[in-house]
């Protein structure tokens, strides 16, 4: 099996080389010289014109057959590469969709946390209003709680900003 693959690989390299050479300037020059020499042979009376046309037609026909095969091989390879690229693009699009869904879920969680923080702040304010007679240590605790809540709000806002930034990057990736 390995020998078959190795032979196939060598043949493909040869076919690629021939296809490349046929499409090059040296090939154009070689073919032009071949045709000029072919038509000069009968003019110089070295070969009969009919024989030259017969041989030239046969050679050109064989060359056309092989060129068609080589070109089809190149087309098939290109088609395989395009299919691989399309599969990769589909995988990337699926990943982007999953990331978008995750970001939406995180945004919803952050909104819920914000609502909870606001509720806690309201509760703290109510407690402060009800218990004006509390000692200073209780008030200090409440101030600390408020500052923690404020700090949490700032962190949540930073997370929201990061999520928005990620969503923008995802949109850019989708456009590409």
N, C-alpha and C. Protein backbone atom coordinates (compact mmCIF):
# COMPACT_ATOMS: atom_id res chain seq x y z
N UNK A 1 0.83 -1.19 0.00
CA UNK A 1 0.00 0.00 0.00
C UNK A 1 0.87 1.26 0.00
N UNK A 2 1.95 1.20 0.81
CA UNK A 2 2.83 2.36 0.85
C UNK A 2 3.51 2.59 -0.49
N UNK A 3 3.94 1.51 -1.12
CA UNK A 3 4.61 1.65 -2.41
C UNK A 3 3.67 2.27 -3.44
N UNK A 4 2.40 1.86 -3.39
CA UNK A 4 1.42 2.42 -4.33
C UNK A 4 1.26 3.92 -4.09
N UNK A 5 1.16 4.30 -2.81
CA UNK A 5 1.01 5.72 -2.48
C UNK A 5 2.25 6.51 -2.89
N UNK A 6 3.43 5.92 -2.67
CA UNK A 6 4.66 6.60 -3.05
C UNK A 6 4.74 6.77 -4.57
N UNK A 7 4.37 5.72 -5.30
CA UNK A 7 4.38 5.81 -6.76
C UNK A 7 3.38 6.85 -7.24
N UNK A 8 2.20 6.85 -6.63
CA UNK A 8 1.18 7.82 -7.00
C UNK A 8 1.66 9.24 -6.72
N UNK A 9 2.31 9.40 -5.58
CA UNK A 9 2.82 10.72 -5.21
C UNK A 9 3.88 11.19 -6.22
N UNK A 10 4.76 10.28 -6.62
CA UNK A 10 5.79 10.63 -7.61
C UNK A 10 5.14 11.00 -8.93
N UNK A 11 4.14 10.21 -9.35
CA UNK A 11 3.45 10.52 -10.60
C UNK A 11 2.74 11.85 -10.54
N UNK A 12 2.14 12.16 -9.39
CA UNK A 12 1.46 13.44 -9.23
C UNK A 12 2.46 14.59 -9.31
N UNK A 13 3.64 14.40 -8.71
CA UNK A 13 4.66 15.45 -8.79
C UNK A 13 5.11 15.66 -10.24
N UNK A 14 5.27 14.55 -10.96
CA UNK A 14 5.66 14.66 -12.37
C UNK A 14 4.57 15.39 -13.15
N UNK A 15 3.32 15.00 -12.91
CA UNK A 15 2.20 15.63 -13.62
C UNK A 15 2.13 17.13 -13.29
N UNK A 16 2.34 17.47 -12.03
CA UNK A 16 2.34 18.90 -11.64
C UNK A 16 3.47 19.65 -12.34
N UNK A 17 4.63 19.00 -12.40
CA UNK A 17 5.76 19.63 -13.08
C UNK A 17 5.49 19.86 -14.55
N UNK A 18 4.91 18.86 -15.20
CA UNK A 18 4.59 18.98 -16.63
C UNK A 18 3.55 20.08 -16.84
N UNK A 19 2.52 20.08 -15.99
CA UNK A 19 1.47 21.11 -16.11
C UNK A 19 2.07 22.50 -15.94
N UNK A 20 2.96 22.62 -14.97
CA UNK A 20 3.60 23.92 -14.75
C UNK A 20 4.43 24.30 -15.97
N UNK A 21 5.22 23.34 -16.50
CA UNK A 21 6.11 23.64 -17.60
C UNK A 21 5.32 23.99 -18.86
N UNK A 22 4.23 23.29 -19.11
CA UNK A 22 3.43 23.56 -20.31
C UNK A 22 2.91 25.00 -20.29
N UNK A 23 2.62 25.50 -19.12
CA UNK A 23 2.10 26.87 -19.01
C UNK A 23 3.18 27.92 -18.88
N UNK A 24 4.41 27.60 -19.26
CA UNK A 24 5.51 28.55 -19.07
C UNK A 24 6.03 29.08 -20.41
N UNK A 25 6.83 30.11 -20.33
CA UNK A 25 7.45 30.72 -21.51
C UNK A 25 8.40 29.74 -22.21
N UNK A 26 9.23 29.00 -21.47
CA UNK A 26 10.10 28.03 -22.17
C UNK A 26 9.30 27.02 -23.00
N UNK A 27 8.13 26.61 -22.51
CA UNK A 27 7.28 25.68 -23.26
C UNK A 27 6.79 26.34 -24.55
N UNK A 28 6.39 27.58 -24.45
CA UNK A 28 5.93 28.32 -25.63
C UNK A 28 7.04 28.38 -26.68
N UNK A 29 8.25 28.66 -26.24
CA UNK A 29 9.39 28.75 -27.15
C UNK A 29 9.67 27.38 -27.77
N UNK A 30 9.68 26.33 -26.94
CA UNK A 30 9.97 24.98 -27.44
C UNK A 30 8.93 24.55 -28.47
N UNK A 31 7.65 24.79 -28.19
CA UNK A 31 6.60 24.41 -29.14
C UNK A 31 6.72 25.21 -30.45
N UNK A 32 7.01 26.47 -30.32
CA UNK A 32 7.16 27.31 -31.51
C UNK A 32 8.32 26.79 -32.37
N UNK A 33 9.44 26.49 -31.73
CA UNK A 33 10.59 25.95 -32.48
C UNK A 33 10.24 24.61 -33.12
N UNK A 34 9.52 23.77 -32.39
CA UNK A 34 9.13 22.46 -32.92
C UNK A 34 8.28 22.62 -34.18
N UNK A 35 7.33 23.53 -34.15
CA UNK A 35 6.46 23.74 -35.32
C UNK A 35 7.23 24.35 -36.50
N UNK A 36 8.13 25.27 -36.18
CA UNK A 36 8.93 25.87 -37.25
C UNK A 36 9.80 24.80 -37.92
N UNK A 37 10.46 23.98 -37.11
CA UNK A 37 11.30 22.91 -37.66
C UNK A 37 10.46 21.92 -38.45
N UNK A 38 9.27 21.59 -37.92
CA UNK A 38 8.39 20.64 -38.61
C UNK A 38 8.03 21.14 -40.01
N UNK A 39 7.76 22.43 -40.14
CA UNK A 39 7.38 22.96 -41.45
C UNK A 39 8.60 23.23 -42.34
N UNK A 40 9.77 23.36 -41.71
CA UNK A 40 10.98 23.56 -42.51
C UNK A 40 11.46 22.25 -43.15
N UNK A 41 11.20 21.14 -42.50
CA UNK A 41 11.65 19.85 -43.03
C UNK A 41 11.13 19.59 -44.45
N UNK A 42 9.84 19.78 -44.73
CA UNK A 42 9.39 19.58 -46.11
C UNK A 42 9.94 20.63 -47.07
N UNK A 43 10.11 21.86 -46.57
CA UNK A 43 10.63 22.93 -47.43
C UNK A 43 12.06 22.59 -47.87
N UNK A 44 12.83 22.01 -46.95
CA UNK A 44 14.21 21.62 -47.25
C UNK A 44 14.28 20.25 -47.94
N UNK A 45 13.15 19.68 -48.25
CA UNK A 45 13.03 18.37 -48.91
C UNK A 45 13.68 17.24 -48.13
N UNK A 46 13.63 17.33 -46.78
CA UNK A 46 14.16 16.26 -45.94
C UNK A 46 13.08 15.22 -45.62
N UNK A 47 11.82 15.67 -45.60
CA UNK A 47 10.68 14.79 -45.32
C UNK A 47 9.54 15.22 -46.22
N UNK A 48 8.76 14.24 -46.63
CA UNK A 48 7.59 14.58 -47.46
C UNK A 48 6.58 15.35 -46.62
N UNK A 49 5.90 16.30 -47.26
CA UNK A 49 4.94 17.16 -46.56
C UNK A 49 3.82 16.34 -45.92
N UNK A 50 3.31 15.33 -46.62
CA UNK A 50 2.23 14.48 -46.09
C UNK A 50 2.67 13.73 -44.83
N UNK A 51 3.89 13.19 -44.87
CA UNK A 51 4.41 12.46 -43.70
C UNK A 51 4.58 13.41 -42.52
N UNK A 52 5.12 14.60 -42.80
CA UNK A 52 5.32 15.59 -41.72
C UNK A 52 3.98 15.95 -41.08
N UNK A 53 2.95 16.18 -41.90
CA UNK A 53 1.64 16.53 -41.35
C UNK A 53 1.05 15.37 -40.56
N UNK A 54 1.24 14.17 -41.03
CA UNK A 54 0.73 12.99 -40.33
C UNK A 54 1.39 12.86 -38.96
N UNK A 55 2.71 12.96 -38.94
CA UNK A 55 3.44 12.83 -37.66
C UNK A 55 3.11 14.01 -36.75
N UNK A 56 3.10 15.22 -37.29
CA UNK A 56 2.79 16.42 -36.49
C UNK A 56 1.38 16.32 -35.90
N UNK A 57 0.42 15.90 -36.69
CA UNK A 57 -0.96 15.77 -36.22
C UNK A 57 -1.05 14.73 -35.10
N UNK A 58 -0.36 13.63 -35.28
CA UNK A 58 -0.37 12.57 -34.26
C UNK A 58 0.26 13.07 -32.96
N UNK A 59 1.40 13.71 -33.05
CA UNK A 59 2.10 14.22 -31.85
C UNK A 59 1.23 15.26 -31.15
N UNK A 60 0.68 16.18 -31.92
CA UNK A 60 -0.15 17.24 -31.31
C UNK A 60 -1.40 16.65 -30.67
N UNK A 61 -2.00 15.64 -31.28
CA UNK A 61 -3.20 15.00 -30.71
C UNK A 61 -2.86 14.31 -29.40
N UNK A 62 -1.75 13.57 -29.39
CA UNK A 62 -1.33 12.90 -28.14
C UNK A 62 -1.04 13.92 -27.05
N UNK A 63 -0.36 14.99 -27.43
CA UNK A 63 -0.05 16.03 -26.46
C UNK A 63 -1.34 16.64 -25.89
N UNK A 64 -2.31 16.88 -26.75
CA UNK A 64 -3.59 17.45 -26.30
C UNK A 64 -4.30 16.52 -25.33
N UNK A 65 -4.24 15.21 -25.60
CA UNK A 65 -4.88 14.24 -24.70
C UNK A 65 -4.23 14.29 -23.32
N UNK A 66 -2.90 14.25 -23.30
CA UNK A 66 -2.21 14.29 -22.01
C UNK A 66 -2.41 15.62 -21.29
N UNK A 67 -2.41 16.70 -22.03
CA UNK A 67 -2.65 18.01 -21.40
C UNK A 67 -4.03 18.06 -20.76
N UNK A 68 -5.02 17.50 -21.45
CA UNK A 68 -6.37 17.48 -20.88
C UNK A 68 -6.39 16.70 -19.58
N UNK A 69 -5.68 15.58 -19.55
CA UNK A 69 -5.61 14.76 -18.32
C UNK A 69 -4.92 15.54 -17.21
N UNK A 70 -3.78 16.17 -17.53
CA UNK A 70 -3.05 16.93 -16.51
C UNK A 70 -3.88 18.10 -15.98
N UNK A 71 -4.57 18.76 -16.87
CA UNK A 71 -5.40 19.89 -16.45
C UNK A 71 -6.53 19.41 -15.55
N UNK A 72 -7.15 18.29 -15.90
CA UNK A 72 -8.23 17.75 -15.06
C UNK A 72 -7.70 17.36 -13.68
N UNK A 73 -6.49 16.81 -13.63
CA UNK A 73 -5.89 16.47 -12.34
C UNK A 73 -5.72 17.73 -11.49
N UNK A 74 -5.26 18.81 -12.10
CA UNK A 74 -5.09 20.08 -11.38
C UNK A 74 -6.43 20.61 -10.89
N UNK A 75 -7.44 20.51 -11.73
CA UNK A 75 -8.78 20.97 -11.35
C UNK A 75 -9.30 20.15 -10.16
N UNK A 76 -9.10 18.83 -10.21
CA UNK A 76 -9.56 17.97 -9.12
C UNK A 76 -8.86 18.33 -7.81
N UNK A 77 -7.55 18.57 -7.86
CA UNK A 77 -6.82 18.95 -6.65
C UNK A 77 -7.33 20.27 -6.10
N UNK A 78 -7.54 21.22 -6.98
CA UNK A 78 -8.05 22.53 -6.55
C UNK A 78 -9.42 22.37 -5.90
N UNK A 79 -10.25 21.53 -6.48
CA UNK A 79 -11.59 21.31 -5.94
C UNK A 79 -11.50 20.70 -4.53
N UNK A 80 -10.60 19.75 -4.33
CA UNK A 80 -10.42 19.14 -3.00
C UNK A 80 -9.98 20.19 -1.98
N UNK A 81 -9.05 21.04 -2.38
CA UNK A 81 -8.57 22.09 -1.48
C UNK A 81 -9.70 23.06 -1.13
N UNK A 82 -10.51 23.41 -2.10
CA UNK A 82 -11.63 24.32 -1.85
C UNK A 82 -12.62 23.70 -0.88
N UNK A 83 -12.89 22.40 -1.04
CA UNK A 83 -13.82 21.71 -0.13
C UNK A 83 -13.26 21.71 1.29
N UNK A 84 -11.95 21.48 1.45
CA UNK A 84 -11.33 21.51 2.77
C UNK A 84 -11.47 22.89 3.40
N UNK A 85 -11.25 23.92 2.61
CA UNK A 85 -11.36 25.29 3.11
C UNK A 85 -12.80 25.59 3.51
N UNK A 86 -13.77 25.13 2.73
CA UNK A 86 -15.17 25.35 3.07
C UNK A 86 -15.53 24.67 4.39
N UNK A 87 -15.01 23.47 4.61
CA UNK A 87 -15.27 22.78 5.88
C UNK A 87 -14.68 23.56 7.04
N UNK A 88 -13.46 24.09 6.86
CA UNK A 88 -12.83 24.89 7.91
C UNK A 88 -13.65 26.13 8.21
N UNK A 89 -14.16 26.78 7.17
CA UNK A 89 -14.97 27.98 7.37
C UNK A 89 -16.24 27.65 8.13
N UNK A 90 -16.87 26.53 7.79
CA UNK A 90 -18.09 26.12 8.50
C UNK A 90 -17.79 25.86 9.97
N UNK A 91 -16.66 25.21 10.26
CA UNK A 91 -16.28 24.95 11.65
C UNK A 91 -16.08 26.26 12.40
N UNK A 92 -15.42 27.21 11.76
CA UNK A 92 -15.17 28.51 12.40
C UNK A 92 -16.49 29.22 12.67
N UNK A 93 -17.41 29.17 11.72
CA UNK A 93 -18.71 29.83 11.91
C UNK A 93 -19.47 29.19 13.08
N UNK A 94 -19.40 27.87 13.19
CA UNK A 94 -20.06 27.19 14.31
C UNK A 94 -19.44 27.64 15.64
N UNK A 95 -18.10 27.74 15.68
CA UNK A 95 -17.42 28.19 16.89
C UNK A 95 -17.84 29.61 17.25
N UNK A 96 -17.95 30.47 16.25
CA UNK A 96 -18.35 31.86 16.50
C UNK A 96 -19.77 31.90 17.06
N UNK A 97 -20.66 31.09 16.52
CA UNK A 97 -22.04 31.05 17.02
C UNK A 97 -22.07 30.58 18.47
N UNK A 98 -21.28 29.55 18.79
CA UNK A 98 -21.23 29.06 20.17
C UNK A 98 -20.71 30.13 21.12
N UNK A 99 -19.66 30.84 20.69
CA UNK A 99 -19.11 31.90 21.53
C UNK A 99 -20.14 33.00 21.72
N UNK A 100 -20.88 33.34 20.67
CA UNK A 100 -21.91 34.37 20.78
C UNK A 100 -22.97 33.96 21.79
N UNK A 101 -23.38 32.70 21.74
CA UNK A 101 -24.38 32.21 22.70
C UNK A 101 -23.83 32.29 24.12
N UNK A 102 -22.57 31.90 24.31
CA UNK A 102 -21.96 31.97 25.63
C UNK A 102 -21.91 33.41 26.14
N UNK A 103 -21.59 34.34 25.25
CA UNK A 103 -21.52 35.74 25.65
C UNK A 103 -22.90 36.25 26.04
N UNK A 104 -23.92 35.85 25.31
CA UNK A 104 -25.28 36.26 25.64
C UNK A 104 -25.67 35.73 27.02
N UNK A 105 -25.33 34.48 27.30
CA UNK A 105 -25.64 33.90 28.61
C UNK A 105 -24.91 34.64 29.72
N UNK A 106 -23.65 34.98 29.49
CA UNK A 106 -22.88 35.72 30.50
C UNK A 106 -23.50 37.10 30.71
N UNK A 107 -23.93 37.74 29.64
CA UNK A 107 -24.57 39.06 29.77
C UNK A 107 -25.83 38.97 30.61
N UNK A 108 -26.62 37.93 30.37
CA UNK A 108 -27.83 37.74 31.17
C UNK A 108 -27.48 37.53 32.63
N UNK A 109 -26.45 36.73 32.90
CA UNK A 109 -26.02 36.49 34.29
C UNK A 109 -25.58 37.79 34.94
N UNK A 110 -24.87 38.61 34.20
CA UNK A 110 -24.40 39.89 34.76
C UNK A 110 -25.58 40.80 35.07
N UNK A 111 -26.56 40.81 34.19
CA UNK A 111 -27.75 41.64 34.45
C UNK A 111 -28.46 41.17 35.72
N UNK A 112 -28.57 39.86 35.89
CA UNK A 112 -29.20 39.33 37.10
C UNK A 112 -28.40 39.72 38.34
N UNK A 113 -27.08 39.64 38.24
CA UNK A 113 -26.23 40.03 39.38
C UNK A 113 -26.41 41.50 39.68
N UNK A 114 -26.50 42.33 38.66
CA UNK A 114 -26.72 43.77 38.86
C UNK A 114 -28.04 44.02 39.59
N UNK A 115 -29.07 43.31 39.17
CA UNK A 115 -30.37 43.46 39.84
C UNK A 115 -30.27 43.04 41.30
N UNK A 116 -29.57 41.94 41.56
CA UNK A 116 -29.38 41.49 42.95
C UNK A 116 -28.63 42.53 43.77
N UNK A 117 -27.61 43.13 43.17
CA UNK A 117 -26.83 44.16 43.88
C UNK A 117 -27.70 45.36 44.19
N UNK A 118 -28.52 45.76 43.23
CA UNK A 118 -29.41 46.89 43.48
C UNK A 118 -30.39 46.56 44.60
N UNK A 119 -30.92 45.35 44.62
CA UNK A 119 -31.81 44.92 45.70
C UNK A 119 -31.09 44.98 47.05
N UNK A 120 -29.87 44.51 47.09
CA UNK A 120 -29.09 44.53 48.33
C UNK A 120 -28.87 45.96 48.78
N UNK A 121 -28.56 46.84 47.85
CA UNK A 121 -28.34 48.25 48.21
C UNK A 121 -29.63 48.85 48.79
N UNK A 122 -30.75 48.54 48.17
CA UNK A 122 -32.03 49.05 48.67
C UNK A 122 -32.29 48.52 50.08
N UNK A 123 -32.00 47.24 50.28
CA UNK A 123 -32.20 46.66 51.61
C UNK A 123 -31.31 47.35 52.64
N UNK A 124 -30.08 47.64 52.28
CA UNK A 124 -29.16 48.31 53.20
C UNK A 124 -29.67 49.70 53.53
N UNK A 125 -30.16 50.40 52.51
CA UNK A 125 -30.68 51.74 52.75
C UNK A 125 -31.91 51.69 53.67
N UNK A 126 -32.77 50.70 53.46
CA UNK A 126 -33.95 50.55 54.32
C UNK A 126 -33.54 50.25 55.75
N UNK A 127 -32.56 49.40 55.89
CA UNK A 127 -32.08 49.05 57.25
C UNK A 127 -31.51 50.29 57.91
N UNK A 128 -30.78 51.08 57.15
CA UNK A 128 -30.19 52.30 57.70
C UNK A 128 -31.28 53.27 58.15
N UNK A 129 -32.34 53.38 57.37
CA UNK A 129 -33.42 54.30 57.72
C UNK A 129 -34.16 53.80 58.96
N UNK A 130 -34.36 52.51 59.06
CA UNK A 130 -35.10 51.94 60.19
C UNK A 130 -34.30 51.96 61.47
N UNK A 131 -33.02 51.84 61.34
CA UNK A 131 -32.21 51.71 62.56
C UNK A 131 -31.28 52.91 62.72
N UNK A 132 -31.84 54.08 62.82
CA UNK A 132 -31.04 55.28 63.02
C UNK A 132 -30.34 55.26 64.37
N UNK A 133 -30.89 54.48 65.28
CA UNK A 133 -30.34 54.45 66.62
C UNK A 133 -29.19 53.46 66.78
N UNK A 134 -28.81 52.83 65.71
CA UNK A 134 -27.72 51.85 65.79
C UNK A 134 -26.44 52.55 66.20
N UNK A 135 -25.54 51.77 66.74
CA UNK A 135 -24.24 52.35 67.12
C UNK A 135 -23.36 52.52 65.88
N UNK A 136 -22.26 53.21 66.08
CA UNK A 136 -21.38 53.57 64.97
C UNK A 136 -20.75 52.36 64.29
N UNK A 137 -20.56 51.31 65.01
CA UNK A 137 -19.92 50.13 64.39
C UNK A 137 -20.85 49.52 63.34
N UNK A 138 -22.16 49.52 63.62
CA UNK A 138 -23.12 49.01 62.64
C UNK A 138 -23.12 49.88 61.39
N UNK A 139 -23.04 51.17 61.59
CA UNK A 139 -23.00 52.08 60.45
C UNK A 139 -21.74 51.87 59.63
N UNK A 140 -20.66 51.63 60.30
CA UNK A 140 -19.41 51.38 59.60
C UNK A 140 -19.52 50.10 58.75
N UNK A 141 -20.18 49.08 59.31
CA UNK A 141 -20.39 47.84 58.56
C UNK A 141 -21.22 48.12 57.30
N UNK A 142 -22.26 48.92 57.46
CA UNK A 142 -23.11 49.24 56.32
C UNK A 142 -22.33 50.00 55.24
N UNK A 143 -21.50 50.92 55.66
CA UNK A 143 -20.69 51.67 54.72
C UNK A 143 -19.77 50.71 53.97
N UNK A 144 -19.20 49.77 54.71
CA UNK A 144 -18.32 48.78 54.08
C UNK A 144 -19.11 47.95 53.06
N UNK A 145 -20.32 47.55 53.44
CA UNK A 145 -21.15 46.76 52.53
C UNK A 145 -21.45 47.56 51.26
N UNK A 146 -21.78 48.83 51.46
CA UNK A 146 -22.07 49.68 50.30
C UNK A 146 -20.85 49.80 49.39
N UNK A 147 -19.69 49.98 50.00
CA UNK A 147 -18.50 50.11 49.16
C UNK A 147 -18.20 48.81 48.44
N UNK A 148 -18.47 47.68 49.11
CA UNK A 148 -18.28 46.37 48.44
C UNK A 148 -19.25 46.23 47.27
N UNK A 149 -20.49 46.65 47.51
CA UNK A 149 -21.49 46.57 46.45
C UNK A 149 -21.06 47.47 45.29
N UNK A 150 -20.58 48.66 45.62
CA UNK A 150 -20.12 49.59 44.58
C UNK A 150 -18.96 48.99 43.81
N UNK A 151 -18.05 48.39 44.55
CA UNK A 151 -16.90 47.76 43.91
C UNK A 151 -17.35 46.63 42.98
N UNK A 152 -18.31 45.83 43.44
CA UNK A 152 -18.84 44.74 42.62
C UNK A 152 -19.50 45.30 41.35
N UNK A 153 -20.22 46.40 41.52
CA UNK A 153 -20.87 47.02 40.36
C UNK A 153 -19.82 47.43 39.32
N UNK A 154 -18.73 48.03 39.81
CA UNK A 154 -17.66 48.45 38.89
C UNK A 154 -17.06 47.24 38.17
N UNK A 155 -16.84 46.18 38.92
CA UNK A 155 -16.29 44.97 38.30
C UNK A 155 -17.26 44.40 37.26
N UNK A 156 -18.54 44.41 37.56
CA UNK A 156 -19.54 43.91 36.62
C UNK A 156 -19.58 44.79 35.38
N UNK A 157 -19.47 46.10 35.59
CA UNK A 157 -19.45 47.00 34.44
C UNK A 157 -18.24 46.70 33.56
N UNK A 158 -17.09 46.44 34.19
CA UNK A 158 -15.89 46.10 33.42
C UNK A 158 -16.12 44.80 32.64
N UNK A 159 -16.77 43.83 33.26
CA UNK A 159 -17.08 42.57 32.58
C UNK A 159 -18.01 42.81 31.39
N UNK A 160 -19.01 43.67 31.60
CA UNK A 160 -19.93 43.99 30.50
C UNK A 160 -19.18 44.61 29.33
N UNK A 161 -18.25 45.53 29.66
CA UNK A 161 -17.45 46.16 28.61
C UNK A 161 -16.63 45.13 27.85
N UNK A 162 -16.05 44.18 28.60
CA UNK A 162 -15.25 43.13 27.95
C UNK A 162 -16.14 42.26 27.05
N UNK A 163 -17.34 41.97 27.50
CA UNK A 163 -18.27 41.15 26.70
C UNK A 163 -18.64 41.90 25.43
N UNK A 164 -18.91 43.18 25.58
CA UNK A 164 -19.26 43.99 24.41
C UNK A 164 -18.11 44.01 23.42
N UNK A 165 -16.89 44.12 23.94
CA UNK A 165 -15.70 44.09 23.09
C UNK A 165 -15.59 42.76 22.35
N UNK A 166 -15.83 41.65 23.06
CA UNK A 166 -15.79 40.32 22.44
C UNK A 166 -16.87 40.19 21.37
N UNK A 167 -18.06 40.72 21.66
CA UNK A 167 -19.14 40.65 20.66
C UNK A 167 -18.74 41.42 19.40
N UNK A 168 -18.11 42.57 19.58
CA UNK A 168 -17.65 43.36 18.42
C UNK A 168 -16.63 42.58 17.61
N UNK A 169 -15.72 41.91 18.31
CA UNK A 169 -14.71 41.10 17.60
C UNK A 169 -15.37 39.96 16.86
N UNK A 170 -16.37 39.35 17.45
CA UNK A 170 -17.08 38.26 16.78
C UNK A 170 -17.78 38.77 15.53
N UNK A 171 -18.38 39.94 15.63
CA UNK A 171 -19.04 40.52 14.46
C UNK A 171 -18.02 40.78 13.35
N UNK A 172 -16.81 41.26 13.73
CA UNK A 172 -15.78 41.49 12.74
C UNK A 172 -15.37 40.17 12.08
N UNK A 173 -15.24 39.11 12.88
CA UNK A 173 -14.87 37.81 12.35
C UNK A 173 -15.95 37.28 11.40
N UNK A 174 -17.20 37.52 11.75
CA UNK A 174 -18.30 37.07 10.88
C UNK A 174 -18.24 37.78 9.53
N UNK A 175 -17.87 39.06 9.55
CA UNK A 175 -17.80 39.83 8.32
C UNK A 175 -16.66 39.34 7.44
N UNK A 176 -15.58 38.89 8.05
CA UNK A 176 -14.43 38.41 7.28
C UNK A 176 -14.81 37.13 6.63
